[in-house]
Amino acid sequence: MECPLSSFTRHVDRLFVKPEDQIGKLLHAAVGVSGEAGEVLDTVKKTWIYSKELDYENILEEAGDLLFYTTALLIHAGYTLNDALEHNKAKLAKRYPEGYTDQAAQERADKQ
């Protein structure tokens, strides 16, 4: 059975074709990440500020779009989703060896 991350990466790589230059693709992906993150924030804001019911379906849709653009960004920077996941796990294991604490968050042992 194929790994879902590999399948999704191929899906993104097949669709993310413009512009043709690498820096253009990186910029397109970065702007996409920013825009989709803004849409997630707006969805949550509507619940927080206007007391609307949280639109979970929209959260799912926008999170998928965020993953699409994040994957495109990684591909064109020479990485995979798995690279990013493993890097994040290692970074946070160093920062929070005993689990999250406010003190560890402020000290950021991974940055020393």
PDB file of N, CA and C in Angstrom:
ATOM      1  N   MET A   1       0.845  -1.190   0.000  1.00  0.00           N
ATOM      2  CA  MET A   1       0.000   0.000   0.000  1.00  0.00           C
ATOM      3  C   MET A   1       0.888   1.252   0.000  1.00  0.00           C
ATOM      4  N   GLU A   2       0.501   2.216  -0.792  1.00  0.00           N
ATOM      5  CA  GLU A   2       1.285   3.441  -0.930  1.00  0.00           C
ATOM      6  C   GLU A   2       1.105   4.366   0.270  1.00  0.00           C
ATOM      7  N   CYS A   3       2.197   5.032   0.633  1.00  0.00           N
ATOM      8  CA  CYS A   3       2.174   6.007   1.726  1.00  0.00           C
ATOM      9  C   CYS A   3       1.315   7.205   1.317  1.00  0.00           C
ATOM     10  N   PRO A   4       0.372   7.623   2.163  1.00  0.00           N
ATOM     11  CA  PRO A   4      -0.470   8.781   1.818  1.00  0.00           C
ATOM     12  C   PRO A   4       0.341  10.048   1.564  1.00  0.00           C
ATOM     13  N   LEU A   5       1.458  10.229   2.278  1.00  0.00           N
ATOM     14  CA  LEU A   5       2.272  11.429   2.064  1.00  0.00           C
ATOM     15  C   LEU A   5       2.879  11.423   0.661  1.00  0.00           C
ATOM     16  N   SER A   6       3.343  10.267   0.223  1.00  0.00           N
ATOM     17  CA  SER A   6       3.921  10.167  -1.126  1.00  0.00           C
ATOM     18  C   SER A   6       2.870  10.414  -2.198  1.00  0.00           C
ATOM     19  N   SER A   7       1.698   9.849  -1.998  1.00  0.00           N
ATOM     20  CA  SER A   7       0.609  10.035  -2.952  1.00  0.00           C
ATOM     21  C   SER A   7       0.204  11.505  -3.036  1.00  0.00           C
ATOM     22  N   PHE A   8       0.096  12.160  -1.887  1.00  0.00           N
ATOM     23  CA  PHE A   8      -0.286  13.573  -1.867  1.00  0.00           C
ATOM     24  C   PHE A   8       0.796  14.423  -2.515  1.00  0.00           C
ATOM     25  N   THR A   9       2.055  14.109  -2.242  1.00  0.00           N
ATOM     26  CA  THR A   9       3.164  14.858  -2.840  1.00  0.00           C
ATOM     27  C   THR A   9       3.113  14.765  -4.361  1.00  0.00           C
ATOM     28  N   ARG A  10       2.875  13.592  -4.891  1.00  0.00           N
ATOM     29  CA  ARG A  10       2.761  13.442  -6.350  1.00  0.00           C
ATOM     30  C   ARG A  10       1.572  14.236  -6.895  1.00  0.00           C
ATOM     31  N   HIS A  11       0.477  14.216  -6.155  1.00  0.00           N
ATOM     32  CA  HIS A  11      -0.724  14.972  -6.519  1.00  0.00           C
ATOM     33  C   HIS A  11      -0.395  16.469  -6.627  1.00  0.00           C
ATOM     34  N   VAL A  12       0.286  17.007  -5.612  1.00  0.00           N
ATOM     35  CA  VAL A  12       0.655  18.424  -5.612  1.00  0.00           C
ATOM     36  C   VAL A  12       1.618  18.728  -6.744  1.00  0.00           C
ATOM     37  N   ASP A  13       2.633  17.896  -6.899  1.00  0.00           N
ATOM     38  CA  ASP A  13       3.653  18.117  -7.929  1.00  0.00           C
ATOM     39  C   ASP A  13       3.031  18.125  -9.328  1.00  0.00           C
ATOM     40  N   ARG A  14       2.016  17.309  -9.529  1.00  0.00           N
ATOM     41  CA  ARG A  14       1.333  17.232 -10.833  1.00  0.00           C
ATOM     42  C   ARG A  14       0.536  18.507 -11.121  1.00  0.00           C
ATOM     43  N   LEU A  15      -0.037  19.112 -10.083  1.00  0.00           N
ATOM     44  CA  LEU A  15      -0.910  20.275 -10.267  1.00  0.00           C
ATOM     45  C   LEU A  15      -0.199  21.618 -10.140  1.00  0.00           C
ATOM     46  N   PHE A  16       0.895  21.659  -9.399  1.00  0.00           N
ATOM     47  CA  PHE A  16       1.562  22.928  -9.101  1.00  0.00           C
ATOM     48  C   PHE A  16       2.623  23.192 -10.166  1.00  0.00           C
ATOM     49  N   VAL A  17       2.195  23.782 -11.267  1.00  0.00           N
ATOM     50  CA  VAL A  17       3.087  23.903 -12.429  1.00  0.00           C
ATOM     51  C   VAL A  17       3.437  25.335 -12.815  1.00  0.00           C
ATOM     52  N   LYS A  18       2.790  26.329 -12.226  1.00  0.00           N
ATOM     53  CA  LYS A  18       3.051  27.717 -12.600  1.00  0.00           C
ATOM     54  C   LYS A  18       3.485  28.531 -11.403  1.00  0.00           C
ATOM     55  N   PRO A  19       4.336  29.486 -11.611  1.00  0.00           N
ATOM     56  CA  PRO A  19       5.103  29.740 -12.823  1.00  0.00           C
ATOM     57  C   PRO A  19       6.158  28.647 -13.019  1.00  0.00           C
ATOM     58  N   GLU A  20       6.899  28.734 -14.079  1.00  0.00           N
ATOM     59  CA  GLU A  20       7.817  27.648 -14.411  1.00  0.00           C
ATOM     60  C   GLU A  20       9.155  27.732 -13.684  1.00  0.00           C
ATOM     61  N   ASP A  21       9.550  28.908 -13.201  1.00  0.00           N
ATOM     62  CA  ASP A  21      10.845  29.040 -12.523  1.00  0.00           C
ATOM     63  C   ASP A  21      10.725  28.706 -11.035  1.00  0.00           C
ATOM     64  N   GLN A  22      11.836  28.270 -10.447  1.00  0.00           N
ATOM     65  CA  GLN A  22      11.828  27.822  -9.058  1.00  0.00           C
ATOM     66  C   GLN A  22      11.443  28.937  -8.094  1.00  0.00           C
ATOM     67  N   ILE A  23      12.043  30.113  -8.219  1.00  0.00           N
ATOM     68  CA  ILE A  23      11.725  31.188  -7.274  1.00  0.00           C
ATOM     69  C   ILE A  23      10.267  31.604  -7.418  1.00  0.00           C
ATOM     70  N   GLY A  24       9.751  31.571  -8.642  1.00  0.00           N
ATOM     71  CA  GLY A  24       8.331  31.865  -8.857  1.00  0.00           C
ATOM     72  C   GLY A  24       7.443  30.850  -8.168  1.00  0.00           C
ATOM     73  N   LYS A  25       7.824  29.576  -8.255  1.00  0.00           N
ATOM     74  CA  LYS A  25       7.036  28.533  -7.581  1.00  0.00           C
ATOM     75  C   LYS A  25       7.114  28.689  -6.066  1.00  0.00           C
ATOM     76  N   LEU A  26       8.309  29.019  -5.554  1.00  0.00           N
ATOM     77  CA  LEU A  26       8.439  29.233  -4.110  1.00  0.00           C
ATOM     78  C   LEU A  26       7.574  30.413  -3.655  1.00  0.00           C
ATOM     79  N   LEU A  27       7.589  31.480  -4.427  1.00  0.00           N
ATOM     80  CA  LEU A  27       6.777  32.645  -4.080  1.00  0.00           C
ATOM     81  C   LEU A  27       5.288  32.323  -4.166  1.00  0.00           C
ATOM     82  N   HIS A  28       4.880  31.630  -5.224  1.00  0.00           N
ATOM     83  CA  HIS A  28       3.484  31.219  -5.382  1.00  0.00           C
ATOM     84  C   HIS A  28       3.048  30.385  -4.174  1.00  0.00           C
ATOM     85  N   ALA A  29       3.888  29.428  -3.776  1.00  0.00           N
ATOM     86  CA  ALA A  29       3.546  28.563  -2.643  1.00  0.00           C
ATOM     87  C   ALA A  29       3.492  29.354  -1.341  1.00  0.00           C
ATOM     88  N   ALA A  30       4.456  30.245  -1.118  1.00  0.00           N
ATOM     89  CA  ALA A  30       4.487  31.036   0.118  1.00  0.00           C
ATOM     90  C   ALA A  30       3.268  31.946   0.220  1.00  0.00           C
ATOM     91  N   VAL A  31       2.900  32.571  -0.889  1.00  0.00           N
ATOM     92  CA  VAL A  31       1.703  33.420  -0.896  1.00  0.00           C
ATOM     93  C   VAL A  31       0.458  32.560  -0.657  1.00  0.00           C
ATOM     94  N   GLY A  32       0.450  31.373  -1.239  1.00  0.00           N
ATOM     95  CA  GLY A  32      -0.677  30.460  -1.023  1.00  0.00           C
ATOM     96  C   GLY A  32      -0.820  30.061   0.438  1.00  0.00           C
ATOM     97  N   VAL A  33       0.302  29.728   1.081  1.00  0.00           N
ATOM     98  CA  VAL A  33       0.276  29.377   2.507  1.00  0.00           C
ATOM     99  C   VAL A  33      -0.291  30.540   3.316  1.00  0.00           C
ATOM    100  N   SER A  34       0.199  31.731   3.036  1.00  0.00           N
ATOM    101  CA  SER A  34      -0.264  32.912   3.755  1.00  0.00           C
ATOM    102  C   SER A  34      -1.756  33.147   3.550  1.00  0.00           C
ATOM    103  N   GLY A  35      -2.201  33.063   2.325  1.00  0.00           N
ATOM    104  CA  GLY A  35      -3.612  33.295   2.024  1.00  0.00           C
ATOM    105  C   GLY A  35      -4.525  32.277   2.681  1.00  0.00           C
ATOM    106  N   GLU A  36      -4.141  31.004   2.609  1.00  0.00           N
ATOM    107  CA  GLU A  36      -4.975  29.953   3.206  1.00  0.00           C
ATOM    108  C   GLU A  36      -4.969  30.055   4.727  1.00  0.00           C
ATOM    109  N   ALA A  37      -3.826  30.421   5.316  1.00  0.00           N
ATOM    110  CA  ALA A  37      -3.777  30.618   6.769  1.00  0.00           C
ATOM    111  C   ALA A  37      -4.715  31.749   7.174  1.00  0.00           C
ATOM    112  N   GLY A  38      -4.777  32.789   6.348  1.00  0.00           N
ATOM    113  CA  GLY A  38      -5.699  33.888   6.601  1.00  0.00           C
ATOM    114  C   GLY A  38      -7.149  33.433   6.552  1.00  0.00           C
ATOM    115  N   GLU A  39      -7.453  32.509   5.649  1.00  0.00           N
ATOM    116  CA  GLU A  39      -8.824  31.999   5.566  1.00  0.00           C
ATOM    117  C   GLU A  39      -9.189  31.172   6.800  1.00  0.00           C
ATOM    118  N   VAL A  40      -8.238  30.393   7.311  1.00  0.00           N
ATOM    119  CA  VAL A  40      -8.475  29.650   8.556  1.00  0.00           C
ATOM    120  C   VAL A  40      -8.722  30.632   9.693  1.00  0.00           C
ATOM    121  N   LEU A  41      -7.873  31.636   9.781  1.00  0.00           N
ATOM    122  CA  LEU A  41      -8.008  32.646  10.835  1.00  0.00           C
ATOM    123  C   LEU A  41      -9.361  33.351  10.748  1.00  0.00           C
ATOM    124  N   ASP A  42      -9.787  33.684   9.551  1.00  0.00           N
ATOM    125  CA  ASP A  42     -11.068  34.361   9.371  1.00  0.00           C
ATOM    126  C   ASP A  42     -12.232  33.474   9.818  1.00  0.00           C
ATOM    127  N   THR A  43     -12.136  32.194   9.538  1.00  0.00           N
ATOM    128  CA  THR A  43     -13.186  31.262   9.957  1.00  0.00           C
ATOM    129  C   THR A  43     -13.306  31.238  11.476  1.00  0.00           C
ATOM    130  N   VAL A  44     -12.161  31.161  12.160  1.00  0.00           N
ATOM    131  CA  VAL A  44     -12.171  31.136  13.623  1.00  0.00           C
ATOM    132  C   VAL A  44     -12.615  32.487  14.180  1.00  0.00           C
ATOM    133  N   LYS A  45     -12.177  33.577  13.529  1.00  0.00           N
ATOM    134  CA  LYS A  45     -12.568  34.926  13.962  1.00  0.00           C
ATOM    135  C   LYS A  45     -14.079  35.083  13.960  1.00  0.00           C
ATOM    136  N   LYS A  46     -14.744  34.548  12.966  1.00  0.00           N
ATOM    137  CA  LYS A  46     -16.198  34.682  12.874  1.00  0.00           C
ATOM    138  C   LYS A  46     -16.886  34.028  14.070  1.00  0.00           C
ATOM    139  N   THR A  47     -16.294  32.964  14.584  1.00  0.00           N
ATOM    140  CA  THR A  47     -16.843  32.329  15.780  1.00  0.00           C
ATOM    141  C   THR A  47     -16.536  33.165  17.010  1.00  0.00           C
ATOM    142  N   TRP A  48     -15.306  33.622  17.113  1.00  0.00           N
ATOM    143  CA  TRP A  48     -14.848  34.372  18.279  1.00  0.00           C
ATOM    144  C   TRP A  48     -15.545  35.726  18.392  1.00  0.00           C
ATOM    145  N   ILE A  49     -15.577  36.480  17.297  1.00  0.00           N
ATOM    146  CA  ILE A  49     -16.100  37.845  17.341  1.00  0.00           C
ATOM    147  C   ILE A  49     -17.617  37.897  17.187  1.00  0.00           C
ATOM    148  N   TYR A  50     -18.153  37.106  16.263  1.00  0.00           N
ATOM    149  CA  TYR A  50     -19.584  37.198  15.943  1.00  0.00           C
ATOM    150  C   TYR A  50     -20.423  36.096  16.568  1.00  0.00           C
ATOM    151  N   SER A  51     -19.790  35.245  17.365  1.00  0.00           N
ATOM    152  CA  SER A  51     -20.484  34.139  18.033  1.00  0.00           C
ATOM    153  C   SER A  51     -21.200  33.216  17.049  1.00  0.00           C
ATOM    154  N   LYS A  52     -20.659  33.140  15.831  1.00  0.00           N
ATOM    155  CA  LYS A  52     -21.215  32.199  14.858  1.00  0.00           C
ATOM    156  C   LYS A  52     -20.737  30.791  15.204  1.00  0.00           C
ATOM    157  N   GLU A  53     -21.500  29.806  14.786  1.00  0.00           N
ATOM    158  CA  GLU A  53     -21.073  28.426  14.981  1.00  0.00           C
ATOM    159  C   GLU A  53     -19.821  28.183  14.147  1.00  0.00           C
ATOM    160  N   LEU A  54     -18.849  27.486  14.721  1.00  0.00           N
ATOM    161  CA  LEU A  54     -17.603  27.223  14.007  1.00  0.00           C
ATOM    162  C   LEU A  54     -17.864  26.338  12.797  1.00  0.00           C
ATOM    163  N   ASP A  55     -17.371  26.749  11.657  1.00  0.00           N
ATOM    164  CA  ASP A  55     -17.552  26.028  10.398  1.00  0.00           C
ATOM    165  C   ASP A  55     -16.428  25.001  10.245  1.00  0.00           C
ATOM    166  N   TYR A  56     -16.640  23.824  10.825  1.00  0.00           N
ATOM    167  CA  TYR A  56     -15.618  22.773  10.797  1.00  0.00           C
ATOM    168  C   TYR A  56     -15.324  22.302   9.375  1.00  0.00           C
ATOM    169  N   GLU A  57     -16.326  22.290   8.538  1.00  0.00           N
ATOM    170  CA  GLU A  57     -16.119  21.879   7.138  1.00  0.00           C
ATOM    171  C   GLU A  57     -15.151  22.841   6.450  1.00  0.00           C
ATOM    172  N   ASN A  58     -15.292  24.139   6.724  1.00  0.00           N
ATOM    173  CA  ASN A  58     -14.385  25.117   6.142  1.00  0.00           C
ATOM    174  C   ASN A  58     -12.974  24.964   6.699  1.00  0.00           C
ATOM    175  N   ILE A  59     -12.858  24.653   7.985  1.00  0.00           N
ATOM    176  CA  ILE A  59     -11.547  24.397   8.588  1.00  0.00           C
ATOM    177  C   ILE A  59     -10.864  23.244   7.851  1.00  0.00           C
ATOM    178  N   LEU A  60     -11.601  22.177   7.604  1.00  0.00           N
ATOM    179  CA  LEU A  60     -11.054  21.023   6.889  1.00  0.00           C
ATOM    180  C   LEU A  60     -10.612  21.412   5.482  1.00  0.00           C
ATOM    181  N   GLU A  61     -11.451  22.161   4.780  1.00  0.00           N
ATOM    182  CA  GLU A  61     -11.125  22.576   3.417  1.00  0.00           C
ATOM    183  C   GLU A  61      -9.875  23.455   3.390  1.00  0.00           C
ATOM    184  N   GLU A  62      -9.837  24.448   4.259  1.00  0.00           N
ATOM    185  CA  GLU A  62      -8.698  25.375   4.259  1.00  0.00           C
ATOM    186  C   GLU A  62      -7.418  24.692   4.749  1.00  0.00           C
ATOM    187  N   ALA A  63      -7.538  23.772   5.705  1.00  0.00           N
ATOM    188  CA  ALA A  63      -6.364  23.019   6.160  1.00  0.00           C
ATOM    189  C   ALA A  63      -5.804  22.174   5.013  1.00  0.00           C
ATOM    190  N   GLY A  64      -6.684  21.606   4.211  1.00  0.00           N
ATOM    191  CA  GLY A  64      -6.234  20.865   3.032  1.00  0.00           C
ATOM    192  C   GLY A  64      -5.502  21.766   2.056  1.00  0.00           C
ATOM    193  N   ASP A  65      -6.031  22.969   1.855  1.00  0.00           N
ATOM    194  CA  ASP A  65      -5.366  23.931   0.972  1.00  0.00           C
ATOM    195  C   ASP A  65      -4.001  24.338   1.535  1.00  0.00           C
ATOM    196  N   LEU A  66      -3.938  24.520   2.854  1.00  0.00           N
ATOM    197  CA  LEU A  66      -2.658  24.824   3.501  1.00  0.00           C
ATOM    198  C   LEU A  66      -1.647  23.704   3.267  1.00  0.00           C
ATOM    199  N   LEU A  67      -2.099  22.462   3.400  1.00  0.00           N
ATOM    200  CA  LEU A  67      -1.209  21.326   3.149  1.00  0.00           C
ATOM    201  C   LEU A  67      -0.752  21.290   1.688  1.00  0.00           C
ATOM    202  N   PHE A  68      -1.650  21.625   0.778  1.00  0.00           N
ATOM    203  CA  PHE A  68      -1.297  21.658  -0.642  1.00  0.00           C
ATOM    204  C   PHE A  68      -0.161  22.653  -0.874  1.00  0.00           C
ATOM    205  N   TYR A  69      -0.339  23.887  -0.421  1.00  0.00           N
ATOM    206  CA  TYR A  69       0.679  24.915  -0.650  1.00  0.00           C
ATOM    207  C   TYR A  69       1.960  24.640   0.143  1.00  0.00           C
ATOM    208  N   THR A  70       1.823  24.105   1.349  1.00  0.00           N
ATOM    209  CA  THR A  70       3.006  23.758   2.142  1.00  0.00           C
ATOM    210  C   THR A  70       3.810  22.659   1.439  1.00  0.00           C
ATOM    211  N   THR A  71       3.120  21.687   0.900  1.00  0.00           N
ATOM    212  CA  THR A  71       3.797  20.618   0.171  1.00  0.00           C
ATOM    213  C   THR A  71       4.493  21.166  -1.061  1.00  0.00           C
ATOM    214  N   ALA A  72       3.833  22.059  -1.783  1.00  0.00           N
ATOM    215  CA  ALA A  72       4.458  22.684  -2.960  1.00  0.00           C
ATOM    216  C   ALA A  72       5.712  23.453  -2.560  1.00  0.00           C
ATOM    217  N   LEU A  73       5.628  24.192  -1.450  1.00  0.00           N
ATOM    218  CA  LEU A  73       6.786  24.944  -0.955  1.00  0.00           C
ATOM    219  C   LEU A  73       7.950  24.001  -0.653  1.00  0.00           C
ATOM    220  N   LEU A  74       7.650  22.910   0.025  1.00  0.00           N
ATOM    221  CA  LEU A  74       8.692  21.939   0.362  1.00  0.00           C
ATOM    222  C   LEU A  74       9.299  21.308  -0.883  1.00  0.00           C
ATOM    223  N   ILE A  75       8.470  20.899  -1.825  1.00  0.00           N
ATOM    224  CA  ILE A  75       8.962  20.278  -3.060  1.00  0.00           C
ATOM    225  C   ILE A  75       9.965  21.193  -3.741  1.00  0.00           C
ATOM    226  N   HIS A  76       9.607  22.453  -3.884  1.00  0.00           N
ATOM    227  CA  HIS A  76      10.445  23.382  -4.649  1.00  0.00           C
ATOM    228  C   HIS A  76      11.606  23.947  -3.831  1.00  0.00           C
ATOM    229  N   ALA A  77      11.642  23.606  -2.541  1.00  0.00           N
ATOM    230  CA  ALA A  77      12.816  23.912  -1.714  1.00  0.00           C
ATOM    231  C   ALA A  77      13.704  22.673  -1.563  1.00  0.00           C
ATOM    232  N   GLY A  78      13.281  21.573  -2.179  1.00  0.00           N
ATOM    233  CA  GLY A  78      14.089  20.356  -2.157  1.00  0.00           C
ATOM    234  C   GLY A  78      13.826  19.433  -0.981  1.00  0.00           C
ATOM    235  N   TYR A  79      12.663  19.564  -0.366  1.00  0.00           N
ATOM    236  CA  TYR A  79      12.313  18.734   0.783  1.00  0.00           C
ATOM    237  C   TYR A  79      11.023  17.972   0.528  1.00  0.00           C
ATOM    238  N   THR A  80      10.713  17.078   1.469  1.00  0.00           N
ATOM    239  CA  THR A  80       9.456  16.336   1.441  1.00  0.00           C
ATOM    240  C   THR A  80       8.656  16.668   2.697  1.00  0.00           C
ATOM    241  N   LEU A  81       7.397  16.298   2.687  1.00  0.00           N
ATOM    242  CA  LEU A  81       6.581  16.438   3.895  1.00  0.00           C
ATOM    243  C   LEU A  81       7.201  15.653   5.041  1.00  0.00           C
ATOM    244  N   ASN A  82       7.712  14.463   4.744  1.00  0.00           N
ATOM    245  CA  ASN A  82       8.331  13.662   5.788  1.00  0.00           C
ATOM    246  C   ASN A  82       9.555  14.368   6.372  1.00  0.00           C
ATOM    247  N   ASP A  83      10.361  15.018   5.510  1.00  0.00           N
ATOM    248  CA  ASP A  83      11.506  15.792   6.011  1.00  0.00           C
ATOM    249  C   ASP A  83      11.036  16.843   7.018  1.00  0.00           C
ATOM    250  N   ALA A  84       9.986  17.565   6.670  1.00  0.00           N
ATOM    251  CA  ALA A  84       9.474  18.625   7.540  1.00  0.00           C
ATOM    252  C   ALA A  84       8.934  18.049   8.852  1.00  0.00           C
ATOM    253  N   LEU A  85       8.223  16.929   8.771  1.00  0.00           N
ATOM    254  CA  LEU A  85       7.679  16.308   9.982  1.00  0.00           C
ATOM    255  C   LEU A  85       8.794  15.850  10.910  1.00  0.00           C
ATOM    256  N   GLU A  86       9.795  15.189  10.356  1.00  0.00           N
ATOM    257  CA  GLU A  86      10.904  14.692  11.170  1.00  0.00           C
ATOM    258  C   GLU A  86      11.722  15.842  11.757  1.00  0.00           C
ATOM    259  N   HIS A  87      11.947  16.892  10.973  1.00  0.00           N
ATOM    260  CA  HIS A  87      12.692  18.046  11.465  1.00  0.00           C
ATOM    261  C   HIS A  87      11.951  18.707  12.625  1.00  0.00           C
ATOM    262  N   ASN A  88      10.631  18.843  12.485  1.00  0.00           N
ATOM    263  CA  ASN A  88       9.830  19.457  13.534  1.00  0.00           C
ATOM    264  C   ASN A  88       9.841  18.605  14.804  1.00  0.00           C
ATOM    265  N   LYS A  89       9.716  17.289  14.645  1.00  0.00           N
ATOM    266  CA  LYS A  89       9.747  16.396  15.813  1.00  0.00           C
ATOM    267  C   LYS A  89      11.070  16.527  16.557  1.00  0.00           C
ATOM    268  N   ALA A  90      12.186  16.551  15.825  1.00  0.00           N
ATOM    269  CA  ALA A  90      13.507  16.657  16.450  1.00  0.00           C
ATOM    270  C   ALA A  90      13.667  18.003  17.158  1.00  0.00           C
ATOM    271  N   LYS A  91      13.220  19.068  16.508  1.00  0.00           N
ATOM    272  CA  LYS A  91      13.318  20.402  17.096  1.00  0.00           C
ATOM    273  C   LYS A  91      12.526  20.482  18.403  1.00  0.00           C
ATOM    274  N   LEU A  92      11.297  20.000  18.382  1.00  0.00           N
ATOM    275  CA  LEU A  92      10.453  20.100  19.572  1.00  0.00           C
ATOM    276  C   LEU A  92      10.873  19.126  20.665  1.00  0.00           C
ATOM    277  N   ALA A  93      11.475  18.002  20.306  1.00  0.00           N
ATOM    278  CA  ALA A  93      12.001  17.073  21.309  1.00  0.00           C
ATOM    279  C   ALA A  93      13.146  17.727  22.074  1.00  0.00           C
ATOM    280  N   LYS A  94      13.956  18.511  21.367  1.00  0.00           N
ATOM    281  CA  LYS A  94      15.056  19.224  22.015  1.00  0.00           C
ATOM    282  C   LYS A  94      14.522  20.374  22.874  1.00  0.00           C
ATOM    283  N   ARG A  95      13.516  21.072  22.361  1.00  0.00           N
ATOM    284  CA  ARG A  95      12.962  22.220  23.084  1.00  0.00           C
ATOM    285  C   ARG A  95      12.168  21.783  24.305  1.00  0.00           C
ATOM    286  N   TYR A  96      11.446  20.675  24.198  1.00  0.00           N
ATOM    287  CA  TYR A  96      10.575  20.207  25.276  1.00  0.00           C
ATOM    288  C   TYR A  96      10.887  18.758  25.643  1.00  0.00           C
ATOM    289  N   PRO A  97      12.074  18.486  26.164  1.00  0.00           N
ATOM    290  CA  PRO A  97      12.451  17.095  26.440  1.00  0.00           C
ATOM    291  C   PRO A  97      11.550  16.409  27.471  1.00  0.00           C
ATOM    292  N   GLU A  98      10.957  17.175  28.364  1.00  0.00           N
ATOM    293  CA  GLU A  98      10.075  16.611  29.399  1.00  0.00           C
ATOM    294  C   GLU A  98       8.606  16.937  29.120  1.00  0.00           C
ATOM    295  N   GLY A  99       8.316  17.467  27.955  1.00  0.00           N
ATOM    296  CA  GLY A  99       6.968  17.920  27.641  1.00  0.00           C
ATOM    297  C   GLY A  99       6.897  19.434  27.715  1.00  0.00           C
ATOM    298  N   TYR A 100       5.804  19.981  27.246  1.00  0.00           N
ATOM    299  CA  TYR A 100       5.670  21.440  27.171  1.00  0.00           C
ATOM    300  C   TYR A 100       5.671  22.073  28.557  1.00  0.00           C
ATOM    301  N   THR A 101       6.439  23.167  28.676  1.00  0.00           N
ATOM    302  CA  THR A 101       6.339  24.074  29.819  1.00  0.00           C
ATOM    303  C   THR A 101       6.538  25.491  29.280  1.00  0.00           C
ATOM    304  N   ASP A 102       5.975  26.465  29.968  1.00  0.00           N
ATOM    305  CA  ASP A 102       6.175  27.854  29.556  1.00  0.00           C
ATOM    306  C   ASP A 102       7.652  28.227  29.612  1.00  0.00           C
ATOM    307  N   GLN A 103       8.344  27.733  30.630  1.00  0.00           N
ATOM    308  CA  GLN A 103       9.769  28.039  30.771  1.00  0.00           C
ATOM    309  C   GLN A 103      10.565  27.495  29.582  1.00  0.00           C
ATOM    310  N   ALA A 104      10.305  26.257  29.191  1.00  0.00           N
ATOM    311  CA  ALA A 104      11.009  25.672  28.046  1.00  0.00           C
ATOM    312  C   ALA A 104      10.673  26.431  26.762  1.00  0.00           C
ATOM    313  N   ALA A 105       9.446  26.893  26.657  1.00  0.00           N
ATOM    314  CA  ALA A 105       9.048  27.668  25.471  1.00  0.00           C
ATOM    315  C   ALA A 105       9.829  28.968  25.398  1.00  0.00           C
ATOM    316  N   GLN A 106      10.056  29.586  26.530  1.00  0.00           N
ATOM    317  CA  GLN A 106      10.796  30.846  26.560  1.00  0.00           C
ATOM    318  C   GLN A 106      12.297  30.634  26.382  1.00  0.00           C
ATOM    319  N   GLU A 107      12.832  29.540  26.925  1.00  0.00           N
ATOM    320  CA  GLU A 107      14.268  29.282  26.828  1.00  0.00           C
ATOM    321  C   GLU A 107      14.697  28.783  25.450  1.00  0.00           C
ATOM    322  N   ARG A 108      13.814  28.086  24.758  1.00  0.00           N
ATOM    323  CA  ARG A 108      14.071  27.584  23.398  1.00  0.00           C
ATOM    324  C   ARG A 108      15.443  26.906  23.269  1.00  0.00           C
ATOM    325  N   ALA A 109      15.599  25.811  23.954  1.00  0.00           N
ATOM    326  CA  ALA A 109      16.868  25.086  23.976  1.00  0.00           C
ATOM    327  C   ALA A 109      17.345  24.693  22.581  1.00  0.00           C
ATOM    328  N   ASP A 110      16.440  24.555  21.653  1.00  0.00           N
ATOM    329  CA  ASP A 110      16.825  24.191  20.281  1.00  0.00           C
ATOM    330  C   ASP A 110      17.524  25.325  19.547  1.00  0.00           C
ATOM    331  N   LYS A 111      17.466  26.541  20.068  1.00  0.00           N
ATOM    332  CA  LYS A 111      18.071  27.704  19.415  1.00  0.00           C
ATOM    333  C   LYS A 111      19.410  28.093  20.027  1.00  0.00           C
ATOM    334  N   GLN A 112      19.849  27.344  21.040  1.00  0.00           N
ATOM    335  CA  GLN A 112      21.099  27.711  21.729  1.00  0.00           C
ATOM    336  C   GLN A 112      22.268  26.939  21.177  1.00  0.00           C
TER     337      GLN A 112
END
